[in-house]
N, C-alpha and C. Protein backbone atom coordinates (compact mmCIF):
# COMPACT_ATOMS: atom_id res chain seq x y z
N MET A 1 75.53 116.79 163.63
CA MET A 1 75.36 117.22 162.26
C MET A 1 75.81 116.09 161.36
N SER A 2 75.03 115.78 160.34
CA SER A 2 75.38 114.70 159.43
C SER A 2 76.40 115.21 158.41
N ALA A 3 77.07 114.28 157.75
CA ALA A 3 78.12 114.63 156.80
C ALA A 3 77.56 115.25 155.53
N ASN A 4 76.28 115.07 155.25
CA ASN A 4 75.71 115.55 154.00
C ASN A 4 75.14 116.96 154.09
N THR A 5 75.10 117.55 155.26
CA THR A 5 74.52 118.88 155.38
C THR A 5 75.62 119.92 155.54
N ALA A 6 75.33 121.12 155.07
CA ALA A 6 76.29 122.21 155.19
C ALA A 6 76.26 122.73 156.62
N PRO A 7 77.37 123.23 157.11
CA PRO A 7 77.39 123.76 158.47
C PRO A 7 76.56 125.03 158.58
N ILE A 8 76.03 125.26 159.74
CA ILE A 8 75.27 126.49 160.00
C ILE A 8 76.29 127.59 160.25
N VAL A 9 76.17 128.67 159.49
CA VAL A 9 77.10 129.79 159.65
C VAL A 9 76.31 131.02 160.04
N THR A 10 76.96 131.90 160.78
CA THR A 10 76.34 133.16 161.18
C THR A 10 76.90 134.26 160.31
N LEU A 11 76.03 134.98 159.65
CA LEU A 11 76.44 136.06 158.77
C LEU A 11 76.65 137.33 159.57
N ASP A 12 77.19 138.37 158.91
CA ASP A 12 77.50 139.63 159.59
C ASP A 12 76.28 140.29 160.19
N ASP A 13 75.12 140.08 159.57
CA ASP A 13 73.91 140.73 160.08
C ASP A 13 73.27 139.95 161.23
N GLY A 14 73.90 138.86 161.69
CA GLY A 14 73.40 138.10 162.82
C GLY A 14 72.51 136.94 162.45
N THR A 15 72.11 136.83 161.20
CA THR A 15 71.27 135.71 160.79
C THR A 15 72.13 134.47 160.57
N THR A 16 71.47 133.33 160.65
CA THR A 16 72.19 132.07 160.43
C THR A 16 71.77 131.47 159.10
N SER A 17 72.66 130.70 158.56
CA SER A 17 72.40 130.09 157.26
C SER A 17 73.11 128.75 157.20
N ALA A 18 72.54 127.84 156.43
CA ALA A 18 73.15 126.53 156.24
C ALA A 18 73.89 126.47 154.90
N ARG A 19 74.40 127.61 154.49
CA ARG A 19 75.13 127.65 153.22
C ARG A 19 76.57 127.19 153.41
N SER A 20 77.17 126.85 152.31
CA SER A 20 78.56 126.39 152.36
C SER A 20 79.49 127.56 152.65
N ALA A 21 80.72 127.25 152.94
CA ALA A 21 81.70 128.29 153.24
C ALA A 21 81.91 129.19 152.02
N ALA A 22 81.89 128.62 150.82
CA ALA A 22 82.06 129.43 149.61
C ALA A 22 80.89 130.39 149.44
N ALA A 23 79.68 129.92 149.70
CA ALA A 23 78.51 130.80 149.60
C ALA A 23 78.59 131.91 150.62
N LYS A 24 79.13 131.61 151.80
CA LYS A 24 79.29 132.62 152.84
C LYS A 24 80.27 133.70 152.38
N LEU A 25 81.37 133.30 151.77
CA LEU A 25 82.34 134.27 151.29
C LEU A 25 81.76 135.14 150.18
N ILE A 26 81.01 134.52 149.28
CA ILE A 26 80.39 135.27 148.19
C ILE A 26 79.38 136.26 148.75
N ALA A 27 78.62 135.85 149.76
CA ALA A 27 77.63 136.74 150.37
C ALA A 27 78.30 137.95 151.01
N ARG A 28 79.51 137.78 151.51
CA ARG A 28 80.23 138.89 152.13
C ARG A 28 80.95 139.76 151.10
N GLY A 29 80.89 139.37 149.84
CA GLY A 29 81.52 140.18 148.82
C GLY A 29 82.94 139.75 148.48
N HIS A 30 83.40 138.64 149.05
CA HIS A 30 84.74 138.16 148.72
C HIS A 30 84.74 137.51 147.34
N ARG A 31 85.83 137.66 146.66
CA ARG A 31 85.97 137.00 145.37
C ARG A 31 86.50 135.59 145.60
N THR A 32 86.03 134.68 144.81
CA THR A 32 86.58 133.33 144.87
C THR A 32 87.55 133.16 143.71
N ARG A 33 88.49 132.29 143.87
CA ARG A 33 89.48 132.06 142.82
C ARG A 33 88.87 131.27 141.69
N PRO A 34 89.05 131.74 140.48
CA PRO A 34 88.56 130.96 139.34
C PRO A 34 89.49 129.77 139.09
N PRO A 35 89.02 128.74 138.43
CA PRO A 35 89.89 127.60 138.15
C PRO A 35 91.04 127.95 137.22
N GLU A 36 90.96 129.10 136.54
CA GLU A 36 92.03 129.51 135.64
C GLU A 36 93.09 130.33 136.36
N SER A 37 93.18 130.19 137.67
CA SER A 37 94.19 130.95 138.40
C SER A 37 95.58 130.52 137.95
N LEU A 38 96.53 131.32 138.25
CA LEU A 38 97.88 131.06 137.76
C LEU A 38 98.58 129.95 138.53
N LYS A 39 98.05 129.56 139.65
CA LYS A 39 98.66 128.46 140.38
C LYS A 39 98.44 127.16 139.62
N ILE A 40 99.33 126.23 139.83
CA ILE A 40 99.19 124.94 139.16
C ILE A 40 97.93 124.27 139.68
N SER A 41 97.01 123.97 138.76
CA SER A 41 95.73 123.43 139.18
C SER A 41 95.75 121.91 139.29
N VAL A 42 96.72 121.27 138.65
CA VAL A 42 96.80 119.82 138.70
C VAL A 42 98.02 119.47 139.54
N ARG A 43 97.79 119.05 140.75
CA ARG A 43 98.90 118.67 141.62
C ARG A 43 99.26 117.22 141.35
N ALA A 44 100.54 116.97 141.23
CA ALA A 44 100.99 115.62 140.93
C ALA A 44 102.01 115.19 141.98
N ASP A 45 101.91 113.93 142.37
CA ASP A 45 102.84 113.34 143.31
C ASP A 45 104.00 112.76 142.50
N ASN A 46 105.19 113.30 142.69
CA ASN A 46 106.34 112.85 141.92
C ASN A 46 106.76 111.42 142.24
N ARG A 47 106.17 110.81 143.25
CA ARG A 47 106.50 109.42 143.56
C ARG A 47 105.78 108.45 142.64
N THR A 48 104.76 108.92 141.92
CA THR A 48 104.02 108.04 141.01
C THR A 48 104.46 108.29 139.58
N ARG A 49 104.28 107.29 138.75
CA ARG A 49 104.63 107.42 137.33
C ARG A 49 103.79 108.51 136.67
N LEU A 50 102.49 108.54 136.99
CA LEU A 50 101.60 109.54 136.41
C LEU A 50 102.03 110.95 136.82
N GLY A 51 102.39 111.12 138.08
CA GLY A 51 102.83 112.43 138.55
C GLY A 51 104.08 112.91 137.86
N ARG A 52 105.05 112.01 137.71
CA ARG A 52 106.28 112.38 137.00
C ARG A 52 106.00 112.72 135.54
N GLU A 53 105.12 111.93 134.91
CA GLU A 53 104.77 112.18 133.50
C GLU A 53 104.07 113.54 133.35
N MET A 54 103.17 113.86 134.28
CA MET A 54 102.46 115.15 134.22
C MET A 54 103.45 116.31 134.34
N ASN A 55 104.39 116.20 135.26
CA ASN A 55 105.36 117.28 135.44
C ASN A 55 106.29 117.41 134.23
N ARG A 56 106.71 116.27 133.65
CA ARG A 56 107.53 116.32 132.44
C ARG A 56 106.76 116.97 131.29
N PHE A 57 105.48 116.61 131.17
CA PHE A 57 104.65 117.18 130.11
C PHE A 57 104.50 118.69 130.30
N ARG A 58 104.26 119.12 131.53
CA ARG A 58 104.12 120.55 131.82
C ARG A 58 105.40 121.29 131.44
N GLU A 59 106.55 120.75 131.86
CA GLU A 59 107.82 121.40 131.56
C GLU A 59 108.07 121.46 130.05
N ALA A 60 107.75 120.38 129.34
CA ALA A 60 107.96 120.36 127.89
C ALA A 60 107.06 121.37 127.18
N MET A 61 105.80 121.45 127.61
CA MET A 61 104.87 122.39 126.99
C MET A 61 105.32 123.83 127.23
N LEU A 62 105.69 124.15 128.47
CA LEU A 62 106.12 125.51 128.78
C LEU A 62 107.42 125.85 128.07
N ALA A 63 108.32 124.87 127.93
CA ALA A 63 109.57 125.12 127.20
C ALA A 63 109.29 125.38 125.72
N ALA A 64 108.32 124.67 125.16
CA ALA A 64 107.98 124.86 123.75
C ALA A 64 107.34 126.22 123.49
N LEU A 65 106.74 126.80 124.52
CA LEU A 65 106.09 128.10 124.36
C LEU A 65 107.06 129.26 124.46
N GLY A 66 108.29 129.00 124.86
CA GLY A 66 109.28 130.06 124.95
C GLY A 66 109.57 130.44 126.38
N PRO A 67 110.43 131.45 126.55
CA PRO A 67 110.88 131.79 127.91
C PRO A 67 109.81 132.43 128.78
N THR A 68 108.85 133.15 128.20
CA THR A 68 107.83 133.82 129.01
C THR A 68 106.44 133.57 128.45
N PRO A 69 105.84 132.41 128.77
CA PRO A 69 104.47 132.17 128.30
C PRO A 69 103.49 133.12 128.99
N THR A 70 102.44 133.48 128.29
CA THR A 70 101.43 134.37 128.85
C THR A 70 100.57 133.61 129.86
N ASN A 71 99.79 134.36 130.61
CA ASN A 71 98.89 133.72 131.58
C ASN A 71 97.87 132.83 130.89
N ALA A 72 97.37 133.27 129.74
CA ALA A 72 96.40 132.45 129.00
C ALA A 72 97.05 131.16 128.52
N GLN A 73 98.30 131.24 128.08
CA GLN A 73 99.00 130.03 127.64
C GLN A 73 99.22 129.07 128.81
N ARG A 74 99.56 129.60 129.97
CA ARG A 74 99.74 128.75 131.15
C ARG A 74 98.43 128.05 131.52
N ALA A 75 97.32 128.78 131.44
CA ALA A 75 96.02 128.18 131.75
C ALA A 75 95.68 127.08 130.75
N MET A 76 95.99 127.31 129.47
CA MET A 76 95.72 126.29 128.45
C MET A 76 96.61 125.06 128.63
N VAL A 77 97.85 125.27 129.09
CA VAL A 77 98.73 124.13 129.38
C VAL A 77 98.13 123.29 130.50
N GLU A 78 97.60 123.94 131.53
CA GLU A 78 96.98 123.20 132.63
C GLU A 78 95.75 122.42 132.15
N GLN A 79 94.97 123.02 131.25
CA GLN A 79 93.82 122.31 130.69
C GLN A 79 94.28 121.11 129.86
N ALA A 80 95.36 121.28 129.11
CA ALA A 80 95.89 120.16 128.33
C ALA A 80 96.36 119.03 129.24
N ILE A 81 96.95 119.38 130.37
CA ILE A 81 97.38 118.36 131.33
C ILE A 81 96.17 117.62 131.88
N GLN A 82 95.12 118.36 132.21
CA GLN A 82 93.88 117.73 132.71
C GLN A 82 93.35 116.73 131.69
N LEU A 83 93.26 117.16 130.43
CA LEU A 83 92.72 116.28 129.40
C LEU A 83 93.61 115.06 129.18
N ARG A 84 94.90 115.29 129.12
CA ARG A 84 95.82 114.16 128.91
C ARG A 84 95.76 113.18 130.07
N THR A 85 95.64 113.70 131.29
CA THR A 85 95.55 112.84 132.47
C THR A 85 94.28 112.00 132.44
N ARG A 86 93.20 112.54 131.92
CA ARG A 86 91.95 111.79 131.83
C ARG A 86 91.98 110.76 130.70
N MET A 87 92.75 111.04 129.65
CA MET A 87 92.81 110.10 128.52
C MET A 87 93.70 108.90 128.79
N ILE A 88 94.68 109.03 129.66
CA ILE A 88 95.63 107.94 129.93
C ILE A 88 94.94 106.68 130.42
N PRO A 89 94.02 106.74 131.42
CA PRO A 89 93.36 105.50 131.85
C PRO A 89 92.50 104.86 130.75
N LEU A 90 91.88 105.69 129.91
CA LEU A 90 91.10 105.13 128.81
C LEU A 90 92.00 104.42 127.80
N ASP A 91 93.18 105.01 127.53
CA ASP A 91 94.14 104.35 126.65
C ASP A 91 94.52 102.98 127.22
N ALA A 92 94.82 102.95 128.51
CA ALA A 92 95.21 101.69 129.15
C ALA A 92 94.08 100.67 129.10
N LYS A 93 92.85 101.13 129.32
CA LYS A 93 91.70 100.22 129.28
C LYS A 93 91.51 99.64 127.88
N PHE A 94 91.65 100.49 126.86
CA PHE A 94 91.48 100.02 125.48
C PHE A 94 92.55 99.01 125.12
N VAL A 95 93.78 99.25 125.54
CA VAL A 95 94.87 98.32 125.24
C VAL A 95 94.67 97.00 125.99
N GLU A 96 94.26 97.10 127.24
CA GLU A 96 94.10 95.91 128.08
C GLU A 96 92.95 95.02 127.63
N THR A 97 91.80 95.62 127.35
CA THR A 97 90.62 94.82 127.01
C THR A 97 90.45 94.64 125.51
N GLY A 98 90.96 95.57 124.73
CA GLY A 98 90.77 95.51 123.28
C GLY A 98 89.37 95.88 122.85
N VAL A 99 88.57 96.42 123.78
CA VAL A 99 87.17 96.75 123.49
C VAL A 99 86.91 98.19 123.92
N GLN A 100 86.14 98.90 123.10
CA GLN A 100 85.69 100.23 123.45
C GLN A 100 84.17 100.22 123.52
N SER A 101 83.64 100.66 124.65
CA SER A 101 82.19 100.82 124.69
C SER A 101 81.85 102.09 123.91
N ILE A 102 80.61 102.22 123.54
CA ILE A 102 80.19 103.41 122.80
C ILE A 102 80.41 104.66 123.64
N HIS A 103 80.09 104.56 124.92
CA HIS A 103 80.27 105.70 125.82
C HIS A 103 81.75 106.07 125.93
N ASP A 104 82.61 105.08 126.18
CA ASP A 104 84.04 105.35 126.30
C ASP A 104 84.60 105.94 125.01
N SER A 105 84.14 105.43 123.89
CA SER A 105 84.62 105.92 122.60
C SER A 105 84.24 107.38 122.40
N ARG A 106 83.03 107.74 122.75
CA ARG A 106 82.59 109.13 122.58
C ARG A 106 83.30 110.07 123.55
N VAL A 107 83.48 109.61 124.79
CA VAL A 107 84.19 110.43 125.77
C VAL A 107 85.63 110.66 125.32
N TYR A 108 86.28 109.59 124.89
CA TYR A 108 87.67 109.70 124.45
C TYR A 108 87.78 110.62 123.23
N LEU A 109 86.86 110.49 122.30
CA LEU A 109 86.88 111.33 121.11
C LEU A 109 86.71 112.80 121.47
N ALA A 110 85.80 113.10 122.40
CA ALA A 110 85.59 114.48 122.82
C ALA A 110 86.84 115.04 123.49
N TRP A 111 87.43 114.27 124.40
CA TRP A 111 88.64 114.73 125.09
C TRP A 111 89.79 114.89 124.11
N SER A 112 89.92 113.95 123.19
CA SER A 112 91.01 114.01 122.21
C SER A 112 90.86 115.23 121.30
N ASN A 113 89.66 115.51 120.86
CA ASN A 113 89.43 116.69 120.02
C ASN A 113 89.71 117.98 120.78
N SER A 114 89.29 118.04 122.04
CA SER A 114 89.57 119.22 122.85
C SER A 114 91.07 119.40 123.04
N TYR A 115 91.76 118.31 123.27
CA TYR A 115 93.22 118.32 123.46
C TYR A 115 93.90 118.85 122.20
N CYS A 116 93.49 118.36 121.04
CA CYS A 116 94.08 118.82 119.77
C CYS A 116 93.79 120.29 119.52
N ARG A 117 92.59 120.74 119.84
CA ARG A 117 92.26 122.16 119.66
C ARG A 117 93.10 123.04 120.59
N LEU A 118 93.34 122.56 121.82
CA LEU A 118 94.19 123.32 122.73
C LEU A 118 95.61 123.45 122.18
N LEU A 119 96.15 122.35 121.66
CA LEU A 119 97.49 122.40 121.09
C LEU A 119 97.54 123.34 119.89
N ASP A 120 96.49 123.33 119.07
CA ASP A 120 96.43 124.24 117.93
C ASP A 120 96.40 125.70 118.40
N ARG A 121 95.60 125.99 119.41
CA ARG A 121 95.52 127.36 119.93
C ARG A 121 96.84 127.82 120.51
N LEU A 122 97.56 126.88 121.12
CA LEU A 122 98.86 127.22 121.67
C LEU A 122 99.92 127.37 120.59
N GLY A 123 99.60 126.91 119.39
CA GLY A 123 100.57 126.98 118.30
C GLY A 123 101.55 125.83 118.32
N LEU A 124 101.19 124.75 118.99
CA LEU A 124 102.06 123.58 119.09
C LEU A 124 101.49 122.48 118.22
N ASP A 125 102.06 122.32 117.04
CA ASP A 125 101.62 121.25 116.15
C ASP A 125 102.57 120.08 116.34
N MET A 126 102.20 119.18 117.25
CA MET A 126 103.08 118.06 117.60
C MET A 126 103.24 117.08 116.44
N SER A 127 102.28 116.99 115.55
CA SER A 127 102.37 116.02 114.46
C SER A 127 103.42 116.43 113.43
N ALA A 128 103.62 117.73 113.23
CA ALA A 128 104.60 118.19 112.25
C ALA A 128 106.01 117.82 112.68
N ALA A 129 106.29 117.90 113.97
CA ALA A 129 107.62 117.56 114.45
C ALA A 129 107.84 116.06 114.42
N ALA A 130 106.79 115.28 114.51
CA ALA A 130 106.93 113.83 114.56
C ALA A 130 107.13 113.21 113.19
N GLU A 131 106.76 113.90 112.11
CA GLU A 131 106.88 113.35 110.77
C GLU A 131 108.23 113.73 110.17
N PRO A 132 109.17 112.78 110.07
CA PRO A 132 110.46 113.11 109.47
C PRO A 132 110.33 113.24 107.95
N GLN A 133 111.09 114.13 107.39
CA GLN A 133 111.11 114.30 105.94
C GLN A 133 111.91 113.16 105.33
N PRO A 134 111.53 112.68 104.15
CA PRO A 134 112.29 111.60 103.53
C PRO A 134 113.69 112.09 103.13
N SER A 135 114.65 111.20 103.25
CA SER A 135 116.01 111.55 102.87
C SER A 135 116.11 111.62 101.35
N LEU A 136 117.21 112.17 100.88
CA LEU A 136 117.43 112.26 99.44
C LEU A 136 117.50 110.87 98.82
N ALA A 137 118.17 109.95 99.52
CA ALA A 137 118.28 108.59 99.00
C ALA A 137 116.91 107.93 98.88
N ALA A 138 116.05 108.16 99.87
CA ALA A 138 114.71 107.57 99.83
C ALA A 138 113.89 108.19 98.70
N ALA A 139 114.04 109.49 98.50
CA ALA A 139 113.30 110.15 97.42
C ALA A 139 113.77 109.66 96.06
N LEU A 140 115.08 109.49 95.90
CA LEU A 140 115.59 108.98 94.63
C LEU A 140 115.18 107.54 94.40
N ALA A 141 115.16 106.76 95.48
CA ALA A 141 114.74 105.36 95.35
C ALA A 141 113.28 105.27 94.95
N ALA A 142 112.50 106.24 95.34
CA ALA A 142 111.08 106.25 94.98
C ALA A 142 110.86 106.78 93.57
N GLY A 143 111.92 107.23 92.91
CA GLY A 143 111.80 107.68 91.53
C GLY A 143 111.45 109.14 91.39
N ARG A 144 111.52 109.89 92.45
CA ARG A 144 111.22 111.31 92.37
C ARG A 144 112.52 112.06 92.20
N ARG A 145 112.56 113.01 91.31
CA ARG A 145 113.75 113.82 91.17
C ARG A 145 113.35 115.25 90.87
N GLU A 146 114.25 116.12 91.22
CA GLU A 146 114.00 117.54 91.05
C GLU A 146 114.31 117.93 89.61
N VAL A 147 113.35 118.52 88.94
CA VAL A 147 113.56 119.02 87.58
C VAL A 147 113.06 120.45 87.52
N THR A 148 113.54 121.18 86.56
CA THR A 148 113.07 122.54 86.40
C THR A 148 111.66 122.51 85.83
N PRO A 149 110.87 123.55 86.04
CA PRO A 149 109.49 123.54 85.59
C PRO A 149 109.34 123.35 84.08
N ASP A 150 110.29 123.84 83.29
CA ASP A 150 110.16 123.70 81.84
C ASP A 150 110.83 122.44 81.31
N GLY A 151 111.42 121.65 82.19
CA GLY A 151 112.08 120.42 81.76
C GLY A 151 113.38 120.70 81.04
N ALA A 152 114.09 121.80 81.38
CA ALA A 152 115.31 122.21 80.68
C ALA A 152 116.46 121.23 80.86
N ASP A 153 116.41 120.40 81.88
CA ASP A 153 117.51 119.46 82.07
C ASP A 153 117.38 118.25 81.16
N GLY A 154 116.40 118.24 80.30
CA GLY A 154 116.22 117.14 79.36
C GLY A 154 115.42 115.99 79.92
N ALA A 155 115.06 116.07 81.18
CA ALA A 155 114.29 114.99 81.79
C ALA A 155 112.81 115.26 81.58
N GLU A 156 112.09 114.22 81.57
CA GLU A 156 110.64 114.34 81.44
C GLU A 156 110.08 114.83 82.78
N ARG A 157 109.14 115.74 82.73
CA ARG A 157 108.55 116.29 83.95
C ARG A 157 107.63 115.25 84.57
N VAL A 158 107.80 115.03 85.89
CA VAL A 158 106.99 114.06 86.62
C VAL A 158 106.18 114.82 87.65
N ASP A 159 104.86 114.81 87.52
CA ASP A 159 103.99 115.52 88.44
C ASP A 159 103.39 114.62 89.49
N HIS A 160 103.60 113.35 89.41
CA HIS A 160 103.02 112.41 90.36
C HIS A 160 104.04 111.34 90.68
N PRO A 161 103.90 110.68 91.82
CA PRO A 161 104.85 109.62 92.16
C PRO A 161 104.69 108.45 91.19
N PRO A 162 105.77 107.71 90.96
CA PRO A 162 105.70 106.59 90.03
C PRO A 162 104.82 105.48 90.57
N ASP A 163 104.32 104.67 89.67
CA ASP A 163 103.53 103.51 90.04
C ASP A 163 104.45 102.48 90.69
N PRO A 164 104.09 101.92 91.85
CA PRO A 164 104.97 100.94 92.50
C PRO A 164 105.29 99.75 91.61
N GLY A 165 104.40 99.37 90.70
CA GLY A 165 104.66 98.26 89.80
C GLY A 165 105.79 98.56 88.83
N ASP A 166 105.96 99.84 88.45
CA ASP A 166 107.04 100.22 87.55
C ASP A 166 108.40 100.07 88.21
N LEU A 167 108.45 100.24 89.53
CA LEU A 167 109.72 100.13 90.23
C LEU A 167 110.20 98.69 90.31
N LEU A 168 109.29 97.73 90.22
CA LEU A 168 109.66 96.33 90.34
C LEU A 168 110.16 95.74 89.03
N GLU A 169 109.83 96.37 87.91
CA GLU A 169 110.25 95.85 86.61
C GLU A 169 111.74 96.08 86.40
N ALA A 170 112.38 95.13 85.76
CA ALA A 170 113.81 95.26 85.47
C ALA A 170 114.00 96.25 84.33
N PRO A 171 115.06 97.06 84.35
CA PRO A 171 115.27 98.04 83.28
C PRO A 171 115.72 97.40 81.99
């Protein structure tokens, strides 16, 4: 038997078929596991950097979802891991060569958009946590100050940030 052909199987009714083992199970009425099963679908070898990163990412995502994530959330975390794992080599290629082919660019954009939509559905807005709020000193240095809406403190109401050229002029 060649490697490209399916094995011949004998069905319950005595007939033979060259169908795959999965087709044989389906013909007998067995259910097959969907890819959204609760088992971890992306197996990672902890001896590799990618494997360790995948496991750290999984743990961080599940921790961010709370103590008891739902089955749907677990499935979406696994999908996010799949997408992130596929984007890592493209990131490395872009950094190494400095060139993006049209195909690579479109593939990366599609995966990146899917990844962002998954994070949105999970309620994890990673960009909000990454943007630090300006300190009071930085806000004052930029010329912004808190005033009451009617200007009762005697200060002029400022609705827009000051012009950077005004900050350079001597008082």
